[in-house]
Amino acid sequence: MLIRYRKNYEKIAMGLLSFMPSEKDLKKLQQTIKNYEVNDDWQLFLWKEDDDIIGIIGILLLDDRIAEIQHISVNPSHRHQGIGKQMVKALKEMFPQYEFRANAFTAAFIDRCE
């Protein structure tokens, strides 16, 4: 189930985002989290199963029709179980009015989800 990011999930969110190659640097990671916290066009969601948060997906709303998937990551111990695909599907259901696009860091994964 997708849940919206809140400040009290910051450490979990940073941990999951740190698995992305573009977010290895701590200062970059902190700036990314700040963007999600202060910018309404940046939307961050966590994937929760049972009582564990095991995935994260973030989008940038480019306009009223297009959203770019900025980040997607799943805890390594839960990979290859279709969780990333479930997150993308849930996001598309949550925002049916948007066309979703990938960025350079998420394109390879998003292509496999289609």
N, C-alpha and C. Protein backbone atom coordinates (compact mmCIF):
# COMPACT_ATOMS: atom_id res chain seq x y z
N MET A 1 0.84 -1.17 0.00
CA MET A 1 0.00 0.00 0.00
C MET A 1 0.89 1.24 0.00
N LEU A 2 0.56 2.19 -0.86
CA LEU A 2 1.30 3.45 -0.90
C LEU A 2 0.80 4.38 0.19
N ILE A 3 1.74 4.97 0.91
CA ILE A 3 1.39 6.00 1.89
C ILE A 3 2.23 7.23 1.60
N ARG A 4 1.66 8.38 1.86
CA ARG A 4 2.35 9.63 1.60
C ARG A 4 3.47 9.85 2.62
N TYR A 5 4.58 10.38 2.14
CA TYR A 5 5.73 10.67 3.00
C TYR A 5 5.35 11.72 4.04
N ARG A 6 5.82 11.51 5.25
CA ARG A 6 5.74 12.50 6.32
C ARG A 6 7.11 12.62 6.96
N LYS A 7 7.34 13.73 7.63
CA LYS A 7 8.64 14.02 8.24
C LYS A 7 9.10 12.90 9.19
N ASN A 8 8.18 12.26 9.89
CA ASN A 8 8.60 11.21 10.83
C ASN A 8 9.09 9.94 10.11
N TYR A 9 8.96 9.89 8.78
CA TYR A 9 9.51 8.78 8.00
C TYR A 9 10.86 9.14 7.37
N GLU A 10 11.43 10.26 7.77
CA GLU A 10 12.62 10.78 7.10
C GLU A 10 13.78 9.78 7.07
N LYS A 11 14.11 9.15 8.18
CA LYS A 11 15.25 8.22 8.21
C LYS A 11 15.00 7.01 7.31
N ILE A 12 13.79 6.48 7.34
CA ILE A 12 13.45 5.34 6.48
C ILE A 12 13.54 5.76 5.02
N ALA A 13 12.98 6.93 4.71
CA ALA A 13 13.00 7.42 3.33
C ALA A 13 14.43 7.63 2.84
N MET A 14 15.27 8.23 3.68
CA MET A 14 16.66 8.45 3.29
C MET A 14 17.38 7.12 3.08
N GLY A 15 17.10 6.15 3.92
CA GLY A 15 17.72 4.84 3.77
C GLY A 15 17.34 4.19 2.45
N LEU A 16 16.06 4.24 2.10
CA LEU A 16 15.61 3.64 0.85
C LEU A 16 16.13 4.41 -0.36
N LEU A 17 16.11 5.74 -0.29
CA LEU A 17 16.62 6.54 -1.41
C LEU A 17 18.11 6.34 -1.61
N SER A 18 18.83 6.04 -0.54
CA SER A 18 20.28 5.88 -0.66
C SER A 18 20.68 4.68 -1.51
N PHE A 19 19.74 3.77 -1.78
CA PHE A 19 20.04 2.64 -2.67
C PHE A 19 20.11 3.07 -4.14
N MET A 20 19.60 4.28 -4.45
CA MET A 20 19.66 4.77 -5.83
C MET A 20 21.05 5.32 -6.11
N PRO A 21 21.64 4.99 -7.24
CA PRO A 21 22.99 5.47 -7.56
C PRO A 21 23.12 7.00 -7.51
N SER A 22 22.06 7.71 -7.85
CA SER A 22 22.12 9.17 -7.88
C SER A 22 22.07 9.79 -6.48
N GLU A 23 21.80 8.99 -5.47
CA GLU A 23 21.60 9.52 -4.11
C GLU A 23 22.63 8.99 -3.11
N LYS A 24 23.81 8.64 -3.57
CA LYS A 24 24.83 8.08 -2.68
C LYS A 24 25.46 9.14 -1.77
N ASP A 25 25.58 10.37 -2.27
CA ASP A 25 26.19 11.46 -1.51
C ASP A 25 25.19 11.98 -0.47
N LEU A 26 25.62 12.10 0.79
CA LEU A 26 24.74 12.50 1.88
C LEU A 26 24.13 13.88 1.66
N LYS A 27 24.92 14.84 1.21
CA LYS A 27 24.39 16.19 0.97
C LYS A 27 23.33 16.18 -0.13
N LYS A 28 23.56 15.41 -1.18
CA LYS A 28 22.59 15.29 -2.26
C LYS A 28 21.30 14.64 -1.74
N LEU A 29 21.45 13.61 -0.94
CA LEU A 29 20.31 12.90 -0.36
C LEU A 29 19.50 13.83 0.54
N GLN A 30 20.16 14.61 1.36
CA GLN A 30 19.47 15.55 2.24
C GLN A 30 18.72 16.61 1.42
N GLN A 31 19.32 17.06 0.33
CA GLN A 31 18.66 18.05 -0.53
C GLN A 31 17.44 17.44 -1.21
N THR A 32 17.54 16.19 -1.63
CA THR A 32 16.41 15.51 -2.25
C THR A 32 15.24 15.41 -1.28
N ILE A 33 15.51 15.00 -0.06
CA ILE A 33 14.45 14.91 0.96
C ILE A 33 13.84 16.28 1.20
N LYS A 34 14.67 17.30 1.28
CA LYS A 34 14.17 18.67 1.49
C LYS A 34 13.25 19.08 0.33
N ASN A 35 13.63 18.74 -0.91
CA ASN A 35 12.78 19.06 -2.05
C ASN A 35 11.40 18.44 -1.91
N TYR A 36 11.36 17.18 -1.46
CA TYR A 36 10.08 16.50 -1.28
C TYR A 36 9.27 17.13 -0.13
N GLU A 37 9.96 17.68 0.86
CA GLU A 37 9.26 18.26 2.01
C GLU A 37 8.70 19.66 1.73
N VAL A 38 9.40 20.46 0.93
CA VAL A 38 9.01 21.86 0.77
C VAL A 38 8.36 22.21 -0.56
N ASN A 39 8.51 21.38 -1.56
CA ASN A 39 8.00 21.69 -2.89
C ASN A 39 6.75 20.85 -3.17
N ASP A 40 5.63 21.51 -3.41
CA ASP A 40 4.37 20.80 -3.66
C ASP A 40 4.40 19.96 -4.93
N ASP A 41 5.26 20.30 -5.88
CA ASP A 41 5.35 19.54 -7.13
C ASP A 41 6.14 18.24 -6.96
N TRP A 42 6.86 18.11 -5.86
CA TRP A 42 7.61 16.89 -5.56
C TRP A 42 6.76 16.06 -4.59
N GLN A 43 6.38 14.87 -5.00
CA GLN A 43 5.53 14.00 -4.19
C GLN A 43 6.27 12.69 -3.90
N LEU A 44 6.35 12.33 -2.63
CA LEU A 44 7.08 11.12 -2.23
C LEU A 44 6.12 10.17 -1.52
N PHE A 45 6.22 8.89 -1.88
CA PHE A 45 5.35 7.87 -1.30
C PHE A 45 6.19 6.68 -0.86
N LEU A 46 5.74 6.05 0.21
CA LEU A 46 6.40 4.86 0.74
C LEU A 46 5.49 3.67 0.53
N TRP A 47 6.09 2.50 0.33
CA TRP A 47 5.33 1.27 0.14
C TRP A 47 5.38 0.49 1.44
N LYS A 48 4.20 0.22 1.99
CA LYS A 48 4.10 -0.46 3.28
C LYS A 48 3.41 -1.80 3.10
N GLU A 49 4.04 -2.85 3.59
CA GLU A 49 3.44 -4.18 3.63
C GLU A 49 3.51 -4.67 5.06
N ASP A 50 2.37 -5.13 5.55
CA ASP A 50 2.25 -5.49 6.96
C ASP A 50 2.61 -4.24 7.76
N ASP A 51 3.61 -4.28 8.59
CA ASP A 51 4.01 -3.09 9.35
C ASP A 51 5.37 -2.56 8.90
N ASP A 52 5.87 -3.05 7.77
CA ASP A 52 7.19 -2.66 7.30
C ASP A 52 7.11 -1.76 6.08
N ILE A 53 7.95 -0.73 6.08
CA ILE A 53 8.08 0.12 4.89
C ILE A 53 9.26 -0.44 4.11
N ILE A 54 8.98 -0.89 2.87
CA ILE A 54 10.00 -1.62 2.12
C ILE A 54 10.31 -0.99 0.76
N GLY A 55 9.61 0.07 0.40
CA GLY A 55 9.87 0.70 -0.89
C GLY A 55 9.54 2.17 -0.86
N ILE A 56 10.03 2.87 -1.88
CA ILE A 56 9.80 4.31 -1.98
C ILE A 56 9.71 4.69 -3.45
N ILE A 57 8.83 5.64 -3.75
CA ILE A 57 8.72 6.14 -5.12
C ILE A 57 8.41 7.63 -5.03
N GLY A 58 9.12 8.40 -5.83
CA GLY A 58 8.94 9.85 -5.82
C GLY A 58 8.70 10.37 -7.22
N ILE A 59 7.80 11.35 -7.31
CA ILE A 59 7.47 11.93 -8.61
C ILE A 59 7.62 13.45 -8.57
N LEU A 60 7.80 14.01 -9.75
CA LEU A 60 7.81 15.45 -9.94
C LEU A 60 6.67 15.77 -10.89
N LEU A 61 5.71 16.58 -10.43
CA LEU A 61 4.58 16.97 -11.25
C LEU A 61 5.04 18.11 -12.15
N LEU A 62 5.22 17.81 -13.43
CA LEU A 62 5.75 18.79 -14.37
C LEU A 62 4.70 19.80 -14.79
N ASP A 63 3.48 19.36 -14.97
CA ASP A 63 2.35 20.23 -15.26
C ASP A 63 1.09 19.48 -14.84
N ASP A 64 -0.06 19.88 -15.33
CA ASP A 64 -1.30 19.22 -14.89
C ASP A 64 -1.59 17.91 -15.61
N ARG A 65 -0.67 17.45 -16.47
CA ARG A 65 -0.87 16.20 -17.21
C ARG A 65 0.30 15.23 -17.13
N ILE A 66 1.49 15.73 -16.80
CA ILE A 66 2.70 14.90 -16.88
C ILE A 66 3.40 14.86 -15.52
N ALA A 67 3.73 13.65 -15.11
CA ALA A 67 4.50 13.44 -13.88
C ALA A 67 5.73 12.60 -14.23
N GLU A 68 6.86 12.99 -13.69
CA GLU A 68 8.11 12.27 -13.94
C GLU A 68 8.47 11.47 -12.70
N ILE A 69 8.73 10.19 -12.89
CA ILE A 69 9.16 9.35 -11.77
C ILE A 69 10.64 9.64 -11.52
N GLN A 70 10.90 10.32 -10.42
CA GLN A 70 12.25 10.76 -10.06
C GLN A 70 13.06 9.67 -9.35
N HIS A 71 12.39 8.96 -8.47
CA HIS A 71 13.06 7.96 -7.63
C HIS A 71 12.18 6.73 -7.48
N ILE A 72 12.79 5.59 -7.46
CA ILE A 72 12.09 4.34 -7.11
C ILE A 72 13.13 3.38 -6.53
N SER A 73 12.80 2.84 -5.37
CA SER A 73 13.75 1.96 -4.70
C SER A 73 12.99 0.99 -3.81
N VAL A 74 13.52 -0.22 -3.73
CA VAL A 74 12.96 -1.26 -2.87
C VAL A 74 14.08 -1.80 -2.00
N ASN A 75 13.77 -2.07 -0.76
CA ASN A 75 14.73 -2.67 0.15
C ASN A 75 15.32 -3.92 -0.52
N PRO A 76 16.65 -4.06 -0.54
CA PRO A 76 17.26 -5.20 -1.24
C PRO A 76 16.74 -6.57 -0.83
N SER A 77 16.34 -6.74 0.41
CA SER A 77 15.84 -8.05 0.84
C SER A 77 14.42 -8.33 0.33
N HIS A 78 13.80 -7.35 -0.32
CA HIS A 78 12.45 -7.53 -0.86
C HIS A 78 12.40 -7.36 -2.37
N ARG A 79 13.55 -7.33 -3.01
CA ARG A 79 13.58 -7.14 -4.46
C ARG A 79 13.20 -8.42 -5.19
N HIS A 80 12.87 -8.26 -6.47
CA HIS A 80 12.50 -9.36 -7.36
C HIS A 80 11.21 -10.05 -6.91
N GLN A 81 10.33 -9.27 -6.27
CA GLN A 81 9.03 -9.79 -5.84
C GLN A 81 7.89 -8.99 -6.47
N GLY A 82 8.22 -8.08 -7.38
CA GLY A 82 7.19 -7.28 -8.05
C GLY A 82 6.74 -6.05 -7.29
N ILE A 83 7.45 -5.68 -6.24
CA ILE A 83 7.04 -4.53 -5.43
C ILE A 83 7.18 -3.23 -6.21
N GLY A 84 8.25 -3.07 -6.95
CA GLY A 84 8.42 -1.87 -7.77
C GLY A 84 7.29 -1.71 -8.76
N LYS A 85 6.92 -2.78 -9.40
CA LYS A 85 5.79 -2.74 -10.35
C LYS A 85 4.50 -2.38 -9.63
N GLN A 86 4.30 -2.93 -8.44
CA GLN A 86 3.10 -2.62 -7.66
C GLN A 86 3.07 -1.14 -7.29
N MET A 87 4.22 -0.57 -6.96
CA MET A 87 4.28 0.85 -6.62
C MET A 87 3.90 1.71 -7.81
N VAL A 88 4.44 1.39 -8.98
CA VAL A 88 4.13 2.15 -10.20
C VAL A 88 2.64 2.04 -10.51
N LYS A 89 2.09 0.84 -10.41
CA LYS A 89 0.67 0.63 -10.68
C LYS A 89 -0.20 1.42 -9.70
N ALA A 90 0.13 1.38 -8.43
CA ALA A 90 -0.63 2.11 -7.41
C ALA A 90 -0.56 3.62 -7.64
N LEU A 91 0.60 4.09 -8.06
CA LEU A 91 0.76 5.51 -8.34
C LEU A 91 -0.10 5.94 -9.53
N LYS A 92 -0.14 5.11 -10.56
CA LYS A 92 -0.97 5.41 -11.73
C LYS A 92 -2.46 5.41 -11.36
N GLU A 93 -2.85 4.54 -10.43
CA GLU A 93 -4.24 4.52 -9.98
C GLU A 93 -4.55 5.74 -9.11
N MET A 94 -3.56 6.20 -8.35
CA MET A 94 -3.74 7.36 -7.48
C MET A 94 -3.82 8.67 -8.28
N PHE A 95 -3.12 8.71 -9.41
CA PHE A 95 -3.06 9.90 -10.25
C PHE A 95 -3.47 9.55 -11.69
N PRO A 96 -4.73 9.15 -11.91
CA PRO A 96 -5.13 8.69 -13.25
C PRO A 96 -5.07 9.77 -14.32
N GLN A 97 -5.09 11.03 -13.92
CA GLN A 97 -5.08 12.13 -14.88
C GLN A 97 -3.68 12.41 -15.43
N TYR A 98 -2.67 11.75 -14.88
CA TYR A 98 -1.28 12.01 -15.28
C TYR A 98 -0.73 10.94 -16.22
N GLU A 99 0.10 11.40 -17.12
CA GLU A 99 0.93 10.50 -17.93
C GLU A 99 2.26 10.43 -17.19
N PHE A 100 2.73 9.23 -16.92
CA PHE A 100 3.98 9.08 -16.18
C PHE A 100 5.14 8.84 -17.12
N ARG A 101 6.24 9.52 -16.81
CA ARG A 101 7.48 9.37 -17.57
C ARG A 101 8.61 9.08 -16.59
N ALA A 102 9.63 8.47 -17.11
CA ALA A 102 10.81 8.18 -16.29
C ALA A 102 11.86 9.25 -16.53
N ASN A 103 12.80 9.37 -15.61
CA ASN A 103 13.98 10.20 -15.86
C ASN A 103 15.15 9.28 -16.17
N ALA A 104 16.33 9.83 -16.30
CA ALA A 104 17.50 9.02 -16.68
C ALA A 104 17.80 7.93 -15.65
N PHE A 105 17.49 8.18 -14.38
CA PHE A 105 17.82 7.22 -13.32
C PHE A 105 16.76 6.13 -13.16
N THR A 106 15.53 6.40 -13.61
CA THR A 106 14.45 5.42 -13.41
C THR A 106 14.00 4.76 -14.71
N ALA A 107 14.50 5.22 -15.84
CA ALA A 107 14.02 4.74 -17.14
C ALA A 107 14.15 3.23 -17.32
N ALA A 108 15.30 2.67 -16.98
CA ALA A 108 15.51 1.23 -17.20
C ALA A 108 14.49 0.41 -16.43
N PHE A 109 14.24 0.79 -15.19
CA PHE A 109 13.28 0.03 -14.39
C PHE A 109 11.86 0.24 -14.90
N ILE A 110 11.49 1.46 -15.19
CA ILE A 110 10.12 1.77 -15.63
C ILE A 110 9.83 1.05 -16.95
N ASP A 111 10.81 0.98 -17.83
CA ASP A 111 10.63 0.25 -19.09
C ASP A 111 10.29 -1.22 -18.84
N ARG A 112 10.89 -1.81 -17.81
CA ARG A 112 10.59 -3.22 -17.49
C ARG A 112 9.20 -3.39 -16.87
N CYS A 113 8.65 -2.30 -16.30
CA CYS A 113 7.32 -2.37 -15.66
C CYS A 113 6.21 -2.34 -16.70
N GLU A 114 6.48 -1.83 -17.86
CA GLU A 114 5.43 -1.68 -18.88
C GLU A 114 5.09 -3.01 -19.52
